[in-house]
PDB file of N, CA and C in Angstrom:
ATOM      1  N   MET A   1       0.778  -1.181   0.056  1.00  0.00           N
ATOM      2  CA  MET A   1      -0.164   0.008  -0.063  1.00  0.00           C
ATOM      3  C   MET A   1       1.088   1.198   0.056  1.00  0.00           C
ATOM      4  N   ILE A   2       1.964   1.345   1.004  1.00  0.00           N
ATOM      5  CA  ILE A   2       2.596   2.317   0.879  1.00  0.00           C
ATOM      6  C   ILE A   2       3.211   2.781  -0.313  1.00  0.00           C
ATOM      7  N   LYS A   3       3.875   1.660  -1.130  1.00  0.00           N
ATOM      8  CA  LYS A   3       4.833   1.672  -2.476  1.00  0.00           C
ATOM      9  C   LYS A   3       3.438   2.746  -3.264  1.00  0.00           C
ATOM     10  N   LYS A   4       2.393   1.869  -3.442  1.00  0.00           N
ATOM     11  CA  LYS A   4       1.493   2.553  -4.207  1.00  0.00           C
ATOM     12  C   LYS A   4       1.340   4.008  -3.817  1.00  0.00           C
ATOM     13  N   TYR A   5       1.300   4.399  -2.722  1.00  0.00           N
ATOM     14  CA  TYR A   5       1.289   5.813  -2.218  1.00  0.00           C
ATOM     15  C   TYR A   5       2.422   6.631  -2.955  1.00  0.00           C
ATOM     16  N   ILE A   6       3.591   6.137  -2.697  1.00  0.00           N
ATOM     17  CA  ILE A   6       4.510   6.917  -2.744  1.00  0.00           C
ATOM     18  C   ILE A   6       4.723   7.091  -4.548  1.00  0.00           C
ATOM     19  N   ILE A   7       4.219   5.985  -5.384  1.00  0.00           N
ATOM     20  CA  ILE A   7       4.312   6.187  -6.621  1.00  0.00           C
ATOM     21  C   ILE A   7       3.248   7.405  -7.171  1.00  0.00           C
ATOM     22  N   PHE A   8       2.233   6.907  -6.527  1.00  0.00           N
ATOM     23  CA  PHE A   8       1.249   8.168  -7.104  1.00  0.00           C
ATOM     24  C   PHE A   8       1.729   9.707  -6.705  1.00  0.00           C
ATOM     25  N   VAL A   9       2.183   9.763  -5.307  1.00  0.00           N
ATOM     26  CA  VAL A   9       2.791  11.126  -5.019  1.00  0.00           C
ATOM     27  C   VAL A   9       3.612  11.518  -5.708  1.00  0.00           C
ATOM     28  N   SER A  10       4.869  10.634  -6.308  1.00  0.00           N
ATOM     29  CA  SER A  10       5.755  10.948  -7.175  1.00  0.00           C
ATOM     30  C   SER A  10       5.353  11.485  -8.406  1.00  0.00           C
ATOM     31  N   SER A  11       4.449  10.873  -8.992  1.00  0.00           N
ATOM     32  CA  SER A  11       4.033  11.142 -10.407  1.00  0.00           C
ATOM     33  C   SER A  11       3.280  12.467 -10.432  1.00  0.00           C
ATOM     34  N   LEU A  12       2.838  12.994  -9.234  1.00  0.00           N
ATOM     35  CA  LEU A  12       1.871  14.061  -9.145  1.00  0.00           C
ATOM     36  C   LEU A  12       3.085  15.440  -9.062  1.00  0.00           C
ATOM     37  N   LEU A  13       4.133  14.827  -8.125  1.00  0.00           N
ATOM     38  CA  LEU A  13       4.979  16.065  -8.073  1.00  0.00           C
ATOM     39  C   LEU A  13       5.745  16.185  -9.620  1.00  0.00           C
ATOM     40  N   VAL A  14       6.303  15.176 -10.127  1.00  0.00           N
ATOM     41  CA  VAL A  14       7.037  15.292 -11.622  1.00  0.00           C
ATOM     42  C   VAL A  14       5.913  15.974 -12.597  1.00  0.00           C
ATOM     43  N   ILE A  15       4.525  15.562 -12.400  1.00  0.00           N
ATOM     44  CA  ILE A  15       3.590  16.113 -13.815  1.00  0.00           C
ATOM     45  C   ILE A  15       3.532  17.760 -12.798  1.00  0.00           C
ATOM     46  N   GLY A  16       3.374  18.175 -12.028  1.00  0.00           N
ATOM     47  CA  GLY A  16       3.108  19.580 -11.479  1.00  0.00           C
ATOM     48  C   GLY A  16       4.233  20.264 -11.492  1.00  0.00           C
ATOM     49  N   CYS A  17       5.799  19.941 -11.638  1.00  0.00           N
ATOM     50  CA  CYS A  17       6.800  20.456 -11.777  1.00  0.00           C
ATOM     51  C   CYS A  17       7.028  20.863 -13.212  1.00  0.00           C
ATOM     52  N   SER A  18       6.252  20.336 -14.287  1.00  0.00           N
ATOM     53  CA  SER A  18       6.740  20.550 -15.728  1.00  0.00           C
ATOM     54  C   SER A  18       6.246  22.084 -15.959  1.00  0.00           C
ATOM     55  N   ASP A  19       7.279  22.478 -17.034  1.00  0.00           N
ATOM     56  CA  ASP A  19       6.953  24.042 -17.100  1.00  0.00           C
ATOM     57  C   ASP A  19       5.634  24.328 -17.882  1.00  0.00           C
ATOM     58  N   PRO A  20       4.741  25.413 -17.783  1.00  0.00           N
ATOM     59  CA  PRO A  20       3.746  25.522 -18.251  1.00  0.00           C
ATOM     60  C   PRO A  20       3.919  26.466 -19.469  1.00  0.00           C
ATOM     61  N   VAL A  21       3.083  26.606 -20.172  1.00  0.00           N
ATOM     62  CA  VAL A  21       3.144  27.058 -21.552  1.00  0.00           C
ATOM     63  C   VAL A  21       3.002  28.713 -21.356  1.00  0.00           C
ATOM     64  N   LYS A  22       4.116  29.377 -21.916  1.00  0.00           N
ATOM     65  CA  LYS A  22       4.058  30.749 -21.596  1.00  0.00           C
ATOM     66  C   LYS A  22       3.816  31.450 -23.052  1.00  0.00           C
ATOM     67  N   VAL A  23       3.089  32.238 -23.138  1.00  0.00           N
ATOM     68  CA  VAL A  23       2.964  33.098 -24.007  1.00  0.00           C
ATOM     69  C   VAL A  23       2.859  34.511 -24.056  1.00  0.00           C
ATOM     70  N   SER A  24       3.966  34.951 -24.662  1.00  0.00           N
ATOM     71  CA  SER A  24       4.600  36.400 -24.475  1.00  0.00           C
ATOM     72  C   SER A  24       4.835  37.178 -25.883  1.00  0.00           C
ATOM     73  N   PRO A  25       4.829  38.708 -25.439  1.00  0.00           N
ATOM     74  CA  PRO A  25       4.551  39.204 -24.369  1.00  0.00           C
ATOM     75  C   PRO A  25       3.063  39.450 -23.996  1.00  0.00           C
ATOM     76  N   ASP A  26       3.042  39.664 -22.761  1.00  0.00           N
ATOM     77  CA  ASP A  26       1.789  40.032 -22.162  1.00  0.00           C
ATOM     78  C   ASP A  26       0.499  40.929 -23.058  1.00  0.00           C
ATOM     79  N   ARG A  27       1.231  41.966 -23.449  1.00  0.00           N
ATOM     80  CA  ARG A  27       0.202  43.022 -24.331  1.00  0.00           C
ATOM     81  C   ARG A  27       1.135  43.338 -25.438  1.00  0.00           C
ATOM     82  N   LEU A  28       0.381  43.399 -26.805  1.00  0.00           N
ATOM     83  CA  LEU A  28       1.177  43.751 -28.123  1.00  0.00           C
ATOM     84  C   LEU A  28       1.305  45.594 -28.113  1.00  0.00           C
ATOM     85  N   PRO A  29       2.075  45.911 -28.523  1.00  0.00           N
ATOM     86  CA  PRO A  29       2.343  47.294 -29.157  1.00  0.00           C
ATOM     87  C   PRO A  29       0.888  47.737 -29.721  1.00  0.00           C
ATOM     88  N   ASP A  30       0.801  49.125 -29.444  1.00  0.00           N
ATOM     89  CA  ASP A  30       0.055  50.006 -30.414  1.00  0.00           C
ATOM     90  C   ASP A  30       0.391  49.503 -31.732  1.00  0.00           C
ATOM     91  N   ALA A  31      -0.633  50.081 -32.742  1.00  0.00           N
ATOM     92  CA  ALA A  31      -0.493  50.110 -33.992  1.00  0.00           C
ATOM     93  C   ALA A  31      -1.178  51.827 -34.514  1.00  0.00           C
ATOM     94  N   TYR A  32      -0.553  52.093 -35.546  1.00  0.00           N
ATOM     95  CA  TYR A  32      -0.856  53.607 -35.985  1.00  0.00           C
ATOM     96  C   TYR A  32      -1.381  53.352 -37.444  1.00  0.00           C
ATOM     97  N   LEU A  33      -2.612  54.059 -37.604  1.00  0.00           N
ATOM     98  CA  LEU A  33      -3.549  54.195 -38.657  1.00  0.00           C
ATOM     99  C   LEU A  33      -2.809  54.356 -40.070  1.00  0.00           C
ATOM    100  N   ASN A  34      -2.823  53.512 -40.892  1.00  0.00           N
ATOM    101  CA  ASN A  34      -2.474  53.310 -42.065  1.00  0.00           C
ATOM    102  C   ASN A  34      -0.990  53.410 -42.095  1.00  0.00           C
ATOM    103  N   GLN A  35      -0.406  52.775 -41.135  1.00  0.00           N
ATOM    104  CA  GLN A  35       1.259  52.487 -41.023  1.00  0.00           C
ATOM    105  C   GLN A  35       1.261  51.014 -40.782  1.00  0.00           C
ATOM    106  N   PRO A  36       2.457  50.351 -41.664  1.00  0.00           N
ATOM    107  CA  PRO A  36       2.715  49.004 -41.360  1.00  0.00           C
ATOM    108  C   PRO A  36       2.775  48.676 -40.002  1.00  0.00           C
ATOM    109  N   TYR A  37       2.665  47.631 -39.572  1.00  0.00           N
ATOM    110  CA  TYR A  37       2.784  47.007 -38.163  1.00  0.00           C
ATOM    111  C   TYR A  37       3.264  45.701 -38.288  1.00  0.00           C
ATOM    112  N   GLU A  38       4.278  45.507 -37.313  1.00  0.00           N
ATOM    113  CA  GLU A  38       4.711  43.970 -37.133  1.00  0.00           C
ATOM    114  C   GLU A  38       5.303  43.672 -35.847  1.00  0.00           C
ATOM    115  N   THR A  39       5.094  42.734 -35.071  1.00  0.00           N
ATOM    116  CA  THR A  39       5.349  42.456 -33.845  1.00  0.00           C
ATOM    117  C   THR A  39       5.472  40.762 -33.659  1.00  0.00           C
ATOM    118  N   ASN A  40       6.221  40.468 -32.767  1.00  0.00           N
ATOM    119  CA  ASN A  40       6.260  38.928 -32.518  1.00  0.00           C
ATOM    120  C   ASN A  40       5.384  38.465 -31.503  1.00  0.00           C
ATOM    121  N   ILE A  41       5.352  37.244 -31.136  1.00  0.00           N
ATOM    122  CA  ILE A  41       4.604  36.325 -30.114  1.00  0.00           C
ATOM    123  C   ILE A  41       5.406  35.135 -30.310  1.00  0.00           C
ATOM    124  N   ASP A  42       5.799  34.875 -28.814  1.00  0.00           N
ATOM    125  CA  ASP A  42       6.843  33.710 -28.856  1.00  0.00           C
ATOM    126  C   ASP A  42       5.870  33.040 -27.550  1.00  0.00           C
ATOM    127  N   ILE A  43       5.819  31.723 -28.066  1.00  0.00           N
ATOM    128  CA  ILE A  43       5.239  30.291 -27.261  1.00  0.00           C
ATOM    129  C   ILE A  43       6.368  29.672 -26.543  1.00  0.00           C
ATOM    130  N   SER A  44       6.483  29.652 -25.424  1.00  0.00           N
ATOM    131  CA  SER A  44       7.558  28.692 -24.721  1.00  0.00           C
ATOM    132  C   SER A  44       6.934  27.502 -23.863  1.00  0.00           C
ATOM    133  N   GLY A  45       7.829  26.665 -23.825  1.00  0.00           N
ATOM    134  CA  GLY A  45       7.358  25.769 -22.570  1.00  0.00           C
ATOM    135  C   GLY A  45       6.839  24.549 -23.173  1.00  0.00           C
ATOM    136  N   GLY A  46       7.265  24.480 -24.591  1.00  0.00           N
ATOM    137  CA  GLY A  46       7.102  22.878 -25.279  1.00  0.00           C
ATOM    138  C   GLY A  46       6.806  23.141 -26.469  1.00  0.00           C
ATOM    139  N   VAL A  47       6.824  22.258 -27.629  1.00  0.00           N
ATOM    140  CA  VAL A  47       6.613  22.585 -29.087  1.00  0.00           C
ATOM    141  C   VAL A  47       5.156  22.708 -29.730  1.00  0.00           C
ATOM    142  N   VAL A  48       4.957  23.794 -30.224  1.00  0.00           N
ATOM    143  CA  VAL A  48       3.771  23.830 -30.482  1.00  0.00           C
ATOM    144  C   VAL A  48       3.143  22.855 -31.880  1.00  0.00           C
ATOM    145  N   VAL A  49       2.201  22.003 -31.559  1.00  0.00           N
ATOM    146  CA  VAL A  49       1.607  21.310 -32.818  1.00  0.00           C
ATOM    147  C   VAL A  49       1.081  22.279 -34.019  1.00  0.00           C
ATOM    148  N   GLY A  50       1.436  21.878 -35.108  1.00  0.00           N
ATOM    149  CA  GLY A  50       0.959  23.067 -36.025  1.00  0.00           C
ATOM    150  C   GLY A  50      -0.411  22.469 -36.610  1.00  0.00           C
ATOM    151  N   VAL A  51      -0.874  21.341 -36.293  1.00  0.00           N
ATOM    152  CA  VAL A  51      -2.284  21.146 -36.826  1.00  0.00           C
ATOM    153  C   VAL A  51      -3.156  21.327 -35.907  1.00  0.00           C
ATOM    154  N   GLY A  52      -2.841  21.585 -34.644  1.00  0.00           N
ATOM    155  CA  GLY A  52      -3.863  22.134 -33.506  1.00  0.00           C
ATOM    156  C   GLY A  52      -3.868  23.482 -33.075  1.00  0.00           C
ATOM    157  N   PHE A  53      -3.095  23.924 -34.213  1.00  0.00           N
ATOM    158  CA  PHE A  53      -2.801  25.490 -33.921  1.00  0.00           C
ATOM    159  C   PHE A  53      -4.031  26.279 -34.509  1.00  0.00           C
ATOM    160  N   TYR A  54      -4.867  27.482 -33.873  1.00  0.00           N
ATOM    161  CA  TYR A  54      -5.542  28.170 -34.218  1.00  0.00           C
ATOM    162  C   TYR A  54      -5.407  29.225 -34.038  1.00  0.00           C
ATOM    163  N   SER A  55      -5.747  30.317 -34.834  1.00  0.00           N
ATOM    164  CA  SER A  55      -5.639  31.851 -34.685  1.00  0.00           C
ATOM    165  C   SER A  55      -6.782  32.652 -35.330  1.00  0.00           C
ATOM    166  N   GLU A  56      -6.956  33.667 -34.719  1.00  0.00           N
ATOM    167  CA  GLU A  56      -8.289  34.421 -35.241  1.00  0.00           C
ATOM    168  C   GLU A  56      -7.968  35.898 -35.120  1.00  0.00           C
ATOM    169  N   VAL A  57      -8.010  36.606 -36.237  1.00  0.00           N
ATOM    170  CA  VAL A  57      -7.951  38.313 -36.274  1.00  0.00           C
ATOM    171  C   VAL A  57      -9.108  38.831 -36.976  1.00  0.00           C
ATOM    172  N   SER A  58      -9.565  39.760 -35.971  1.00  0.00           N
ATOM    173  CA  SER A  58     -10.738  40.681 -36.533  1.00  0.00           C
ATOM    174  C   SER A  58     -10.795  41.546 -37.533  1.00  0.00           C
ATOM    175  N   ASP A  59      -9.304  41.595 -37.887  1.00  0.00           N
ATOM    176  CA  ASP A  59      -8.963  42.633 -38.907  1.00  0.00           C
ATOM    177  C   ASP A  59      -8.437  41.893 -40.175  1.00  0.00           C
ATOM    178  N   ALA A  60      -9.116  41.981 -41.629  1.00  0.00           N
ATOM    179  CA  ALA A  60      -8.878  41.039 -42.599  1.00  0.00           C
ATOM    180  C   ALA A  60      -7.367  41.798 -42.990  1.00  0.00           C
ATOM    181  N   ASN A  61      -7.278  42.846 -42.565  1.00  0.00           N
ATOM    182  CA  ASN A  61      -5.848  43.614 -43.318  1.00  0.00           C
ATOM    183  C   ASN A  61      -4.526  42.790 -42.356  1.00  0.00           C
ATOM    184  N   PHE A  62      -4.654  42.012 -41.031  1.00  0.00           N
ATOM    185  CA  PHE A  62      -3.563  41.270 -40.456  1.00  0.00           C
ATOM    186  C   PHE A  62      -3.714  39.986 -40.728  1.00  0.00           C
ATOM    187  N   ILE A  63      -2.363  39.392 -40.527  1.00  0.00           N
ATOM    188  CA  ILE A  63      -2.481  37.974 -40.525  1.00  0.00           C
ATOM    189  C   ILE A  63      -1.240  37.316 -39.601  1.00  0.00           C
ATOM    190  N   ILE A  64      -1.200  36.282 -38.997  1.00  0.00           N
ATOM    191  CA  ILE A  64      -0.371  35.850 -38.128  1.00  0.00           C
ATOM    192  C   ILE A  64       0.416  34.783 -39.208  1.00  0.00           C
ATOM    193  N   ILE A  65       1.955  34.873 -39.230  1.00  0.00           N
ATOM    194  CA  ILE A  65       2.713  33.935 -39.932  1.00  0.00           C
ATOM    195  C   ILE A  65       3.385  33.199 -38.837  1.00  0.00           C
ATOM    196  N   PRO A  66       3.717  31.821 -38.825  1.00  0.00           N
ATOM    197  CA  PRO A  66       4.749  31.427 -38.309  1.00  0.00           C
ATOM    198  C   PRO A  66       6.234  31.455 -38.965  1.00  0.00           C
ATOM    199  N   SER A  67       7.097  31.260 -37.917  1.00  0.00           N
ATOM    200  CA  SER A  67       8.179  31.236 -38.475  1.00  0.00           C
ATOM    201  C   SER A  67       8.510  29.929 -39.406  1.00  0.00           C
ATOM    202  N   ILE A  68       9.859  30.326 -39.911  1.00  0.00           N
ATOM    203  CA  ILE A  68      10.310  28.759 -40.767  1.00  0.00           C
ATOM    204  C   ILE A  68      11.685  28.458 -40.261  1.00  0.00           C
ATOM    205  N   ALA A  69      11.420  27.187 -39.753  1.00  0.00           N
ATOM    206  CA  ALA A  69      12.689  26.824 -38.779  1.00  0.00           C
ATOM    207  C   ALA A  69      13.524  26.048 -39.737  1.00  0.00           C
ATOM    208  N   GLU A  70      14.817  25.694 -39.397  1.00  0.00           N
ATOM    209  CA  GLU A  70      15.779  25.296 -39.698  1.00  0.00           C
ATOM    210  C   GLU A  70      15.231  23.679 -40.567  1.00  0.00           C
ATOM    211  N   GLY A  71      15.554  23.448 -41.630  1.00  0.00           N
ATOM    212  CA  GLY A  71      14.786  22.256 -42.595  1.00  0.00           C
ATOM    213  C   GLY A  71      13.352  22.743 -43.259  1.00  0.00           C
ATOM    214  N   GLY A  72      13.071  24.094 -43.066  1.00  0.00           N
ATOM    215  CA  GLY A  72      12.090  24.562 -43.859  1.00  0.00           C
ATOM    216  C   GLY A  72      10.703  24.140 -43.516  1.00  0.00           C
ATOM    217  N   TYR A  73      10.138  23.742 -42.231  1.00  0.00           N
ATOM    218  CA  TYR A  73       9.075  23.512 -41.794  1.00  0.00           C
ATOM    219  C   TYR A  73       8.623  24.666 -40.766  1.00  0.00           C
ATOM    220  N   LYS A  74       7.293  24.890 -40.863  1.00  0.00           N
ATOM    221  CA  LYS A  74       6.444  25.987 -39.860  1.00  0.00           C
ATOM    222  C   LYS A  74       6.828  25.791 -38.514  1.00  0.00           C
ATOM    223  N   ASP A  75       7.459  26.882 -38.033  1.00  0.00           N
ATOM    224  CA  ASP A  75       7.559  26.792 -36.445  1.00  0.00           C
ATOM    225  C   ASP A  75       6.621  27.641 -35.698  1.00  0.00           C
ATOM    226  N   TYR A  76       5.575  27.110 -35.009  1.00  0.00           N
ATOM    227  CA  TYR A  76       4.542  27.929 -34.604  1.00  0.00           C
ATOM    228  C   TYR A  76       4.873  28.590 -33.061  1.00  0.00           C
ATOM    229  N   ASN A  77       6.351  28.177 -32.676  1.00  0.00           N
ATOM    230  CA  ASN A  77       6.478  28.732 -31.580  1.00  0.00           C
ATOM    231  C   ASN A  77       7.105  30.138 -31.561  1.00  0.00           C
ATOM    232  N   LEU A  78       7.249  30.781 -32.630  1.00  0.00           N
ATOM    233  CA  LEU A  78       7.579  31.978 -33.168  1.00  0.00           C
ATOM    234  C   LEU A  78       6.501  32.599 -34.228  1.00  0.00           C
ATOM    235  N   LEU A  79       5.801  33.536 -33.672  1.00  0.00           N
ATOM    236  CA  LEU A  79       4.855  33.988 -34.616  1.00  0.00           C
ATOM    237  C   LEU A  79       5.034  35.453 -34.869  1.00  0.00           C
ATOM    238  N   THR A  80       4.769  35.947 -36.199  1.00  0.00           N
ATOM    239  CA  THR A  80       4.777  37.213 -36.349  1.00  0.00           C
ATOM    240  C   THR A  80       3.373  37.949 -36.890  1.00  0.00           C
ATOM    241  N   VAL A  81       2.829  39.059 -36.124  1.00  0.00           N
ATOM    242  CA  VAL A  81       1.590  39.546 -36.510  1.00  0.00           C
ATOM    243  C   VAL A  81       1.950  40.789 -37.198  1.00  0.00           C
ATOM    244  N   THR A  82       1.322  40.900 -38.496  1.00  0.00           N
ATOM    245  CA  THR A  82       1.444  41.750 -39.461  1.00  0.00           C
ATOM    246  C   THR A  82       0.519  42.414 -40.111  1.00  0.00           C
ATOM    247  N   GLY A  83       0.527  43.262 -40.508  1.00  0.00           N
ATOM    248  CA  GLY A  83      -0.904  44.221 -41.390  1.00  0.00           C
ATOM    249  C   GLY A  83      -0.744  45.752 -41.562  1.00  0.00           C
ATOM    250  N   THR A  84      -1.774  46.349 -41.855  1.00  0.00           N
ATOM    251  CA  THR A  84      -2.001  48.110 -41.704  1.00  0.00           C
ATOM    252  C   THR A  84      -3.269  48.166 -41.274  1.00  0.00           C
ATOM    253  N   PRO A  85      -3.494  48.816 -40.506  1.00  0.00           N
ATOM    254  CA  PRO A  85      -4.654  49.381 -39.976  1.00  0.00           C
ATOM    255  C   PRO A  85      -5.332  50.469 -40.864  1.00  0.00           C
ATOM    256  N   THR A  86      -6.615  49.804 -40.985  1.00  0.00           N
ATOM    257  CA  THR A  86      -6.930  50.978 -42.207  1.00  0.00           C
ATOM    258  C   THR A  86      -8.094  51.807 -41.272  1.00  0.00           C
ATOM    259  N   THR A  87      -8.820  51.559 -40.109  1.00  0.00           N
ATOM    260  CA  THR A  87      -9.692  52.259 -39.534  1.00  0.00           C
ATOM    261  C   THR A  87      -9.015  52.024 -38.062  1.00  0.00           C
ATOM    262  N   SER A  88      -9.631  53.042 -37.373  1.00  0.00           N
ATOM    263  CA  SER A  88      -9.521  53.030 -35.766  1.00  0.00           C
ATOM    264  C   SER A  88      -9.804  52.310 -34.841  1.00  0.00           C
ATOM    265  N   ASN A  89     -10.556  51.275 -35.451  1.00  0.00           N
ATOM    266  CA  ASN A  89     -11.088  50.133 -34.349  1.00  0.00           C
ATOM    267  C   ASN A  89      -9.851  49.483 -34.022  1.00  0.00           C
ATOM    268  N   PRO A  90     -10.067  49.014 -32.759  1.00  0.00           N
ATOM    269  CA  PRO A  90      -9.028  48.023 -32.180  1.00  0.00           C
ATOM    270  C   PRO A  90      -8.978  46.882 -32.912  1.00  0.00           C
ATOM    271  N   ILE A  91      -7.688  45.985 -32.680  1.00  0.00           N
ATOM    272  CA  ILE A  91      -7.767  44.720 -33.670  1.00  0.00           C
ATOM    273  C   ILE A  91      -7.585  43.842 -32.251  1.00  0.00           C
ATOM    274  N   TYR A  92      -8.765  42.460 -32.697  1.00  0.00           N
ATOM    275  CA  TYR A  92      -8.581  41.697 -31.617  1.00  0.00           C
ATOM    276  C   TYR A  92      -8.098  40.404 -32.359  1.00  0.00           C
ATOM    277  N   ILE A  93      -7.066  39.621 -31.550  1.00  0.00           N
ATOM    278  CA  ILE A  93      -6.339  38.730 -32.045  1.00  0.00           C
ATOM    279  C   ILE A  93      -6.571  37.168 -30.859  1.00  0.00           C
ATOM    280  N   TYR A  94      -6.818  35.974 -31.424  1.00  0.00           N
ATOM    281  CA  TYR A  94      -6.923  35.409 -30.563  1.00  0.00           C
ATOM    282  C   TYR A  94      -6.099  34.112 -30.949  1.00  0.00           C
ATOM    283  N   ILE A  95      -5.181  33.595 -30.013  1.00  0.00           N
ATOM    284  CA  ILE A  95      -4.407  32.091 -30.823  1.00  0.00           C
ATOM    285  C   ILE A  95      -4.537  31.257 -29.866  1.00  0.00           C
ATOM    286  N   ALA A  96      -4.543  30.084 -29.983  1.00  0.00           N
ATOM    287  CA  ALA A  96      -4.985  28.791 -29.342  1.00  0.00           C
ATOM    288  C   ALA A  96      -4.195  27.487 -29.738  1.00  0.00           C
ATOM    289  N   GLY A  97      -3.924  26.358 -29.007  1.00  0.00           N
ATOM    290  CA  GLY A  97      -3.164  25.548 -29.662  1.00  0.00           C
ATOM    291  C   GLY A  97      -2.983  24.396 -28.276  1.00  0.00           C
ATOM    292  N   ASP A  98      -2.334  23.323 -28.679  1.00  0.00           N
ATOM    293  CA  ASP A  98      -1.497  22.385 -27.725  1.00  0.00           C
ATOM    294  C   ASP A  98       0.078  22.586 -28.075  1.00  0.00           C
ATOM    295  N   THR A  99       0.754  21.736 -27.219  1.00  0.00           N
ATOM    296  CA  THR A  99       2.134  21.388 -27.527  1.00  0.00           C
ATOM    297  C   THR A  99       2.047  19.646 -27.391  1.00  0.00           C
ATOM    298  N   TYR A 100       3.254  19.357 -28.272  1.00  0.00           N
ATOM    299  CA  TYR A 100       3.597  18.189 -28.262  1.00  0.00           C
ATOM    300  C   TYR A 100       3.775  17.523 -26.678  1.00  0.00           C
ATOM    301  N   GLY A 101       3.745  16.169 -26.299  1.00  0.00           N
ATOM    302  CA  GLY A 101       3.852  15.427 -25.231  1.00  0.00           C
ATOM    303  C   GLY A 101       5.095  14.441 -25.498  1.00  0.00           C
ATOM    304  N   THR A 102       5.690  14.232 -24.529  1.00  0.00           N
ATOM    305  CA  THR A 102       6.847  13.794 -24.311  1.00  0.00           C
ATOM    306  C   THR A 102       6.500  12.104 -23.388  1.00  0.00           C
ATOM    307  N   ASN A 103       7.086  12.252 -22.150  1.00  0.00           N
ATOM    308  CA  ASN A 103       6.793  11.400 -21.191  1.00  0.00           C
ATOM    309  C   ASN A 103       5.673  11.703 -20.529  1.00  0.00           C
ATOM    310  N   PHE A 104       5.308  13.307 -20.806  1.00  0.00           N
ATOM    311  CA  PHE A 104       3.971  13.685 -19.939  1.00  0.00           C
ATOM    312  C   PHE A 104       2.999  14.369 -21.302  1.00  0.00           C
ATOM    313  N   PRO A 105       1.649  14.336 -20.955  1.00  0.00           N
ATOM    314  CA  PRO A 105       1.010  14.775 -22.100  1.00  0.00           C
ATOM    315  C   PRO A 105       1.092  15.999 -22.405  1.00  0.00           C
ATOM    316  N   GLY A 106       1.026  16.669 -23.714  1.00  0.00           N
ATOM    317  CA  GLY A 106       1.105  18.020 -24.028  1.00  0.00           C
ATOM    318  C   GLY A 106       0.018  18.951 -23.298  1.00  0.00           C
ATOM    319  N   LYS A 107       0.508  20.295 -23.416  1.00  0.00           N
ATOM    320  CA  LYS A 107      -0.005  21.309 -22.717  1.00  0.00           C
ATOM    321  C   LYS A 107      -1.288  22.170 -23.944  1.00  0.00           C
ATOM    322  N   GLN A 108      -2.448  22.589 -23.405  1.00  0.00           N
ATOM    323  CA  GLN A 108      -3.251  23.430 -23.947  1.00  0.00           C
ATOM    324  C   GLN A 108      -2.577  24.876 -23.557  1.00  0.00           C
ATOM    325  N   PHE A 109      -2.797  25.976 -24.347  1.00  0.00           N
ATOM    326  CA  PHE A 109      -2.875  27.487 -24.130  1.00  0.00           C
ATOM    327  C   PHE A 109      -3.829  28.172 -25.312  1.00  0.00           C
ATOM    328  N   GLU A 110      -3.829  29.372 -24.465  1.00  0.00           N
ATOM    329  CA  GLU A 110      -4.580  30.031 -25.486  1.00  0.00           C
ATOM    330  C   GLU A 110      -4.502  31.672 -25.066  1.00  0.00           C
ATOM    331  N   LYS A 111      -4.491  32.804 -25.867  1.00  0.00           N
ATOM    332  CA  LYS A 111      -4.134  33.925 -25.686  1.00  0.00           C
ATOM    333  C   LYS A 111      -5.088  34.844 -26.209  1.00  0.00           C
ATOM    334  N   LYS A 112      -5.489  36.079 -25.624  1.00  0.00           N
ATOM    335  CA  LYS A 112      -6.222  36.915 -26.424  1.00  0.00           C
ATOM    336  C   LYS A 112      -5.629  38.524 -26.460  1.00  0.00           C
ATOM    337  N   TYR A 113      -5.405  39.239 -27.504  1.00  0.00           N
ATOM    338  CA  TYR A 113      -4.862  40.381 -27.667  1.00  0.00           C
ATOM    339  C   TYR A 113      -5.617  41.385 -28.098  1.00  0.00           C
ATOM    340  N   THR A 114      -5.597  42.549 -27.494  1.00  0.00           N
ATOM    341  CA  THR A 114      -6.003  43.823 -28.277  1.00  0.00           C
ATOM    342  C   THR A 114      -5.153  44.460 -28.515  1.00  0.00           C
ATOM    343  N   ILE A 115      -5.053  44.911 -29.717  1.00  0.00           N
ATOM    344  CA  ILE A 115      -3.909  46.151 -30.302  1.00  0.00           C
ATOM    345  C   ILE A 115      -4.766  47.237 -30.787  1.00  0.00           C
ATOM    346  N   GLU A 116      -4.391  48.382 -29.956  1.00  0.00           N
ATOM    347  CA  GLU A 116      -5.185  49.622 -29.984  1.00  0.00           C
ATOM    348  C   GLU A 116      -4.608  50.061 -31.460  1.00  0.00           C
ATOM    349  N   VAL A 117      -5.528  50.824 -31.918  1.00  0.00           N
ATOM    350  CA  VAL A 117      -4.910  51.802 -33.129  1.00  0.00           C
ATOM    351  C   VAL A 117      -5.114  53.448 -32.872  1.00  0.00           C
ATOM    352  N   MET A 118      -3.730  53.685 -33.136  1.00  0.00           N
ATOM    353  CA  MET A 118      -3.757  55.194 -32.653  1.00  0.00           C
ATOM    354  C   MET A 118      -3.931  56.095 -34.181  1.00  0.00           C
ATOM    355  N   PRO A 119      -4.083  57.369 -33.891  1.00  0.00           N
ATOM    356  CA  PRO A 119      -4.043  58.044 -35.025  1.00  0.00           C
ATOM    357  C   PRO A 119      -2.347  58.259 -35.572  1.00  0.00           C
ATOM    358  N   SER A 120      -2.158  58.387 -37.008  1.00  0.00           N
ATOM    359  CA  SER A 120      -1.069  58.394 -37.566  1.00  0.00           C
ATOM    360  C   SER A 120      -0.168  59.374 -36.923  1.00  0.00           C
ATOM    361  N   LYS A 121       1.153  58.974 -36.684  1.00  0.00           N
ATOM    362  CA  LYS A 121       2.143  59.805 -36.114  1.00  0.00           C
ATOM    363  C   LYS A 121       2.498  61.365 -36.659  1.00  0.00           C
TER     364      LYS A 121
END
């Protein structure tokens, strides 16, 4: 009985000690009306599964592009948000996905951003 308890507690400690997925930065910089915008989003704490990655942007002038890793495949751990705002409406971004698991199950993440659009400089 004690052996089962020790294995159970050890498993909980190991699972609880795995790094959480972190999406940064916490806030994206403001954009300026009719001026090109580009910034990066970094996802750490696991390798993002491309098939399970989902993104949505409220402004059709903006896109989210994964980086290209060595070997030519898409790397969803480093994303670039790019576009040119044509209205002063805020731009809403939503990203979500999963990371690959190894000895432990993969982890899910999601993040919402609001980019404020300022008058031209």
